[in-house]
Amino acid sequence: MAERKKSGLISHGVAAQNRKARYDYTIKETIEAGIVLKGPEVKSLRAGRATLNEAWAGERDGEMYLFNCYIPEWQGGVLSRFETRAPRKLLLKHKQINHLLGAVARQGQTLIPLDIHFNERGRAKVLLGLAEGRSKADKRHAIAERDWQRDRARLMRERG
């Protein structure tokens, strides 16, 4: 899944994942965005200690930000003080920002961070999903569909 160095840090791969997002929302579109981080925040992400469960993306002063993303303080040094739930700026082009804000305003969709990962160059990226909320019936249908796919795969494996 994620490659790890001997020190236990992630060189590239998924650092944090919002698993509940795909259950609670129907993801219509995904966009990868860069994220502005400080040094100790990157170290905490590489250690795989971030949480995206209650995070969301939104606009502030014409820029896109990631709100309520929890990145714990790095325990390695004295100079690692930062706010753990601070809004973090997302790096997107103006055309992408306008597209996302238009979809949120017109269609009532939500911007949900699906995961934070490191690309091949070692840069932290956020995968944003343009999503619509699901009702309880939709969630039950998704569970039934997933169970059926799993059972069907088992049957196919058994039959050869």
C-alpha atoms as a PDB file:
ATOM      1  CA  MET A   1       0.000   0.000   0.000  1.00  0.00           C
ATOM      2  CA  ALA A   2       2.403   2.707   1.124  1.00  0.00           C
ATOM      3  CA  GLU A   3       6.141   2.336   0.832  1.00  0.00           C
ATOM      4  CA  ARG A   4       7.991   2.859   4.081  1.00  0.00           C
ATOM      5  CA  LYS A   5      11.612   3.579   4.768  1.00  0.00           C
ATOM      6  CA  LYS A   6      13.480   1.887   7.595  1.00  0.00           C
ATOM      7  CA  SER A   7      12.687   4.825   9.889  1.00  0.00           C
ATOM      8  CA  GLY A   8       8.933   4.207   9.548  1.00  0.00           C
ATOM      9  CA  LEU A   9       8.273   7.322   7.458  1.00  0.00           C
ATOM     10  CA  ILE A  10       6.271   7.330   4.223  1.00  0.00           C
ATOM     11  CA  SER A  11       8.403   8.207   1.188  1.00  0.00           C
ATOM     12  CA  HIS A  12       5.435   8.258  -1.198  1.00  0.00           C
ATOM     13  CA  GLY A  13       1.932   6.932  -0.891  1.00  0.00           C
ATOM     14  CA  VAL A  14      -1.122   7.668   1.251  1.00  0.00           C
ATOM     15  CA  ALA A  15      -0.381   9.559   4.480  1.00  0.00           C
ATOM     16  CA  ALA A  16      -3.994  10.061   5.658  1.00  0.00           C
ATOM     17  CA  GLN A  17      -7.309   8.829   4.320  1.00  0.00           C
ATOM     18  CA  ASN A  18     -10.947   9.766   4.881  1.00  0.00           C
ATOM     19  CA  ARG A  19     -12.613   6.359   4.581  1.00  0.00           C
ATOM     20  CA  LYS A  20     -15.999   7.543   5.810  1.00  0.00           C
ATOM     21  CA  ALA A  21     -16.289  10.094   2.982  1.00  0.00           C
ATOM     22  CA  ARG A  22     -17.040   7.497   0.311  1.00  0.00           C
ATOM     23  CA  TYR A  23     -19.740   6.018   2.547  1.00  0.00           C
ATOM     24  CA  ASP A  24     -21.425   9.314   3.497  1.00  0.00           C
ATOM     25  CA  TYR A  25     -21.136  11.009   0.096  1.00  0.00           C
ATOM     26  CA  THR A  26     -21.461  10.191  -3.589  1.00  0.00           C
ATOM     27  CA  ILE A  27     -18.239  11.423  -5.191  1.00  0.00           C
ATOM     28  CA  LYS A  28     -18.966  13.096  -8.545  1.00  0.00           C
ATOM     29  CA  GLU A  29     -15.491  14.370  -9.429  1.00  0.00           C
ATOM     30  CA  THR A  30     -11.987  14.369  -7.926  1.00  0.00           C
ATOM     31  CA  ILE A  31      -9.283  17.015  -8.137  1.00  0.00           C
ATOM     32  CA  GLU A  32      -5.713  16.839  -6.863  1.00  0.00           C
ATOM     33  CA  ALA A  33      -4.433  19.963  -5.128  1.00  0.00           C
ATOM     34  CA  GLY A  34      -1.158  20.938  -3.533  1.00  0.00           C
ATOM     35  CA  ILE A  35      -1.110  21.971   0.113  1.00  0.00           C
ATOM     36  CA  VAL A  36       1.018  24.562   1.915  1.00  0.00           C
ATOM     37  CA  LEU A  37       2.710  22.975   4.940  1.00  0.00           C
ATOM     38  CA  LYS A  38       5.481  23.823   7.390  1.00  0.00           C
ATOM     39  CA  GLY A  39       8.431  21.491   7.968  1.00  0.00           C
ATOM     40  CA  PRO A  40       7.180  19.785  11.145  1.00  0.00           C
ATOM     41  CA  GLU A  41       3.749  19.276   9.550  1.00  0.00           C
ATOM     42  CA  VAL A  42       5.368  17.390   6.677  1.00  0.00           C
ATOM     43  CA  LYS A  43       7.273  15.210   9.153  1.00  0.00           C
ATOM     44  CA  SER A  44       4.040  14.361  11.000  1.00  0.00           C
ATOM     45  CA  LEU A  45       2.362  13.519   7.685  1.00  0.00           C
ATOM     46  CA  ARG A  46       5.265  11.294   6.674  1.00  0.00           C
ATOM     47  CA  ALA A  47       4.832   9.469   9.982  1.00  0.00           C
ATOM     48  CA  GLY A  48       1.188   8.847   8.950  1.00  0.00           C
ATOM     49  CA  ARG A  49      -0.369  10.566  11.962  1.00  0.00           C
ATOM     50  CA  ALA A  50      -2.878  12.954  10.316  1.00  0.00           C
ATOM     51  CA  THR A  51      -6.674  12.673  10.499  1.00  0.00           C
ATOM     52  CA  LEU A  52      -9.172  13.796   7.842  1.00  0.00           C
ATOM     53  CA  ASN A  53     -12.401  12.513   9.418  1.00  0.00           C
ATOM     54  CA  GLU A  54     -14.013  15.911  10.038  1.00  0.00           C
ATOM     55  CA  ALA A  55     -12.088  17.936   7.460  1.00  0.00           C
ATOM     56  CA  TRP A  56     -13.639  19.980   4.658  1.00  0.00           C
ATOM     57  CA  ALA A  57     -12.452  22.409   2.001  1.00  0.00           C
ATOM     58  CA  GLY A  58     -13.826  25.876   1.401  1.00  0.00           C
ATOM     59  CA  GLU A  59     -13.121  29.395   0.226  1.00  0.00           C
ATOM     60  CA  ARG A  60     -11.647  32.267   2.226  1.00  0.00           C
ATOM     61  CA  ASP A  61     -10.594  35.556   0.627  1.00  0.00           C
ATOM     62  CA  GLY A  62     -10.695  34.102  -2.887  1.00  0.00           C
ATOM     63  CA  GLU A  63      -8.377  31.199  -1.980  1.00  0.00           C
ATOM     64  CA  MET A  64      -9.192  27.561  -1.190  1.00  0.00           C
ATOM     65  CA  TYR A  65      -8.351  26.239   2.268  1.00  0.00           C
ATOM     66  CA  LEU A  66      -8.494  22.891   4.057  1.00  0.00           C
ATOM     67  CA  PHE A  67     -10.301  23.322   7.371  1.00  0.00           C
ATOM     68  CA  ASN A  68     -10.332  21.114  10.475  1.00  0.00           C
ATOM     69  CA  CYS A  69      -7.630  18.724   9.264  1.00  0.00           C
ATOM     70  CA  TYR A  70      -5.772  17.378  12.302  1.00  0.00           C
ATOM     71  CA  ILE A  71      -1.991  17.102  11.947  1.00  0.00           C
ATOM     72  CA  PRO A  72      -0.395  16.465  15.356  1.00  0.00           C
ATOM     73  CA  GLU A  73       2.740  18.254  16.488  1.00  0.00           C
ATOM     74  CA  TRP A  74       6.020  16.609  15.570  1.00  0.00           C
ATOM     75  CA  GLN A  75       7.676  15.222  18.697  1.00  0.00           C
ATOM     76  CA  GLY A  76      11.216  15.372  17.305  1.00  0.00           C
ATOM     77  CA  GLY A  77      12.259  18.882  18.277  1.00  0.00           C
ATOM     78  CA  VAL A  78      11.620  22.053  20.231  1.00  0.00           C
ATOM     79  CA  LEU A  79      10.913  24.252  17.208  1.00  0.00           C
ATOM     80  CA  SER A  80       7.954  22.188  16.060  1.00  0.00           C
ATOM     81  CA  ARG A  81       5.141  24.319  17.480  1.00  0.00           C
ATOM     82  CA  PHE A  82       2.200  24.858  15.146  1.00  0.00           C
ATOM     83  CA  GLU A  83      -1.570  24.850  15.441  1.00  0.00           C
ATOM     84  CA  THR A  84      -2.817  21.311  14.869  1.00  0.00           C
ATOM     85  CA  ARG A  85      -6.168  22.264  13.272  1.00  0.00           C
ATOM     86  CA  ALA A  86      -5.107  25.457  11.477  1.00  0.00           C
ATOM     87  CA  PRO A  87      -6.617  26.200   8.042  1.00  0.00           C
ATOM     88  CA  ARG A  88      -4.112  25.131   5.398  1.00  0.00           C
ATOM     89  CA  LYS A  89      -3.989  26.779   1.988  1.00  0.00           C
ATOM     90  CA  LEU A  90      -4.650  24.600  -1.052  1.00  0.00           C
ATOM     91  CA  LEU A  91      -2.761  25.249  -4.276  1.00  0.00           C
ATOM     92  CA  LEU A  92      -5.169  25.316  -7.210  1.00  0.00           C
ATOM     93  CA  LYS A  93      -5.412  27.285 -10.444  1.00  0.00           C
ATOM     94  CA  HIS A  94      -8.022  30.064 -10.632  1.00  0.00           C
ATOM     95  CA  LYS A  95      -9.997  28.155 -13.237  1.00  0.00           C
ATOM     96  CA  GLN A  96     -10.203  25.134 -10.906  1.00  0.00           C
ATOM     97  CA  ILE A  97     -11.214  27.323  -7.957  1.00  0.00           C
ATOM     98  CA  ASN A  98     -13.987  28.944 -10.001  1.00  0.00           C
ATOM     99  CA  HIS A  99     -15.224  25.538 -11.181  1.00  0.00           C
ATOM    100  CA  LEU A 100     -15.332  24.153  -7.632  1.00  0.00           C
ATOM    101  CA  LEU A 101     -16.970  27.231  -6.126  1.00  0.00           C
ATOM    102  CA  GLY A 102     -19.561  27.281  -8.906  1.00  0.00           C
ATOM    103  CA  ALA A 103     -20.477  23.638  -8.288  1.00  0.00           C
ATOM    104  CA  VAL A 104     -20.744  24.234  -4.546  1.00  0.00           C
ATOM    105  CA  ALA A 105     -22.908  27.349  -4.992  1.00  0.00           C
ATOM    106  CA  ARG A 106     -25.189  26.206  -7.830  1.00  0.00           C
ATOM    107  CA  GLN A 107     -25.617  22.506  -7.267  1.00  0.00           C
ATOM    108  CA  GLY A 108     -25.296  22.341  -3.475  1.00  0.00           C
ATOM    109  CA  GLN A 109     -22.309  20.013  -3.587  1.00  0.00           C
ATOM    110  CA  THR A 110     -19.600  19.735  -0.926  1.00  0.00           C
ATOM    111  CA  LEU A 111     -15.806  19.658  -1.140  1.00  0.00           C
ATOM    112  CA  ILE A 112     -14.476  16.718   0.865  1.00  0.00           C
ATOM    113  CA  PRO A 113     -10.783  15.781   1.218  1.00  0.00           C
ATOM    114  CA  LEU A 114     -10.503  12.078   0.375  1.00  0.00           C
ATOM    115  CA  ASP A 115      -6.829  11.593   1.184  1.00  0.00           C
ATOM    116  CA  ILE A 116      -3.460  13.250   1.642  1.00  0.00           C
ATOM    117  CA  HIS A 117      -0.667  11.540  -0.220  1.00  0.00           C
ATOM    118  CA  PHE A 118       2.881  12.106  -1.414  1.00  0.00           C
ATOM    119  CA  ASN A 119       3.528  12.010  -5.149  1.00  0.00           C
ATOM    120  CA  GLU A 120       6.626  10.580  -6.815  1.00  0.00           C
ATOM    121  CA  ARG A 121       8.504  13.833  -6.276  1.00  0.00           C
ATOM    122  CA  GLY A 122       7.776  13.757  -2.535  1.00  0.00           C
ATOM    123  CA  ARG A 123       5.259  16.622  -2.586  1.00  0.00           C
ATOM    124  CA  ALA A 124       2.194  16.482  -0.326  1.00  0.00           C
ATOM    125  CA  LYS A 125      -1.049  16.496  -2.311  1.00  0.00           C
ATOM    126  CA  VAL A 126      -4.719  16.470  -1.268  1.00  0.00           C
ATOM    127  CA  LEU A 127      -7.309  14.563  -3.284  1.00  0.00           C
ATOM    128  CA  LEU A 128     -10.522  16.619  -3.120  1.00  0.00           C
ATOM    129  CA  GLY A 129     -13.865  15.122  -3.992  1.00  0.00           C
ATOM    130  CA  LEU A 130     -16.817  17.137  -5.277  1.00  0.00           C
ATOM    131  CA  ALA A 131     -19.585  15.247  -3.518  1.00  0.00           C
ATOM    132  CA  GLU A 132     -23.296  15.057  -2.817  1.00  0.00           C
ATOM    133  CA  GLY A 133     -24.622  13.778   0.499  1.00  0.00           C
ATOM    134  CA  ARG A 134     -26.292  10.378   0.627  1.00  0.00           C
ATOM    135  CA  SER A 135     -29.556   9.511   2.353  1.00  0.00           C
ATOM    136  CA  LYS A 136     -29.860   6.487   4.646  1.00  0.00           C
ATOM    137  CA  ALA A 137     -31.500   4.473   1.858  1.00  0.00           C
ATOM    138  CA  ASP A 138     -28.612   5.255  -0.489  1.00  0.00           C
ATOM    139  CA  LYS A 139     -26.118   4.162   2.172  1.00  0.00           C
ATOM    140  CA  ARG A 140     -27.959   0.879   2.677  1.00  0.00           C
ATOM    141  CA  HIS A 141     -28.021   0.333  -1.092  1.00  0.00           C
ATOM    142  CA  ALA A 142     -24.263   0.975  -1.287  1.00  0.00           C
ATOM    143  CA  ILE A 143     -23.631  -1.571   1.488  1.00  0.00           C
ATOM    144  CA  ALA A 144     -25.813  -4.165  -0.240  1.00  0.00           C
ATOM    145  CA  GLU A 145     -24.038  -3.557  -3.564  1.00  0.00           C
ATOM    146  CA  ARG A 146     -20.600  -3.880  -1.959  1.00  0.00           C
ATOM    147  CA  ASP A 147     -21.624  -7.125  -0.186  1.00  0.00           C
ATOM    148  CA  TRP A 148     -22.987  -8.556  -3.429  1.00  0.00           C
ATOM    149  CA  GLN A 149     -19.744  -7.726  -5.280  1.00  0.00           C
ATOM    150  CA  ARG A 150     -17.736  -9.465  -2.548  1.00  0.00           C
ATOM    151  CA  ASP A 151     -19.990 -12.560  -2.597  1.00  0.00           C
ATOM    152  CA  ARG A 152     -19.907 -12.691  -6.393  1.00  0.00           C
ATOM    153  CA  ALA A 153     -16.110 -12.581  -6.362  1.00  0.00           C
ATOM    154  CA  ARG A 154     -16.045 -15.465  -3.860  1.00  0.00           C
ATOM    155  CA  LEU A 155     -18.405 -17.528  -6.008  1.00  0.00           C
ATOM    156  CA  MET A 156     -16.323 -16.926  -9.121  1.00  0.00           C
ATOM    157  CA  ARG A 157     -13.148 -17.899  -7.273  1.00  0.00           C
ATOM    158  CA  GLU A 158     -14.732 -21.127  -5.978  1.00  0.00           C
ATOM    159  CA  ARG A 159     -16.040 -22.168  -9.401  1.00  0.00           C
ATOM    160  CA  GLY A 160     -12.692 -21.575 -10.986  1.00  0.00           C
END
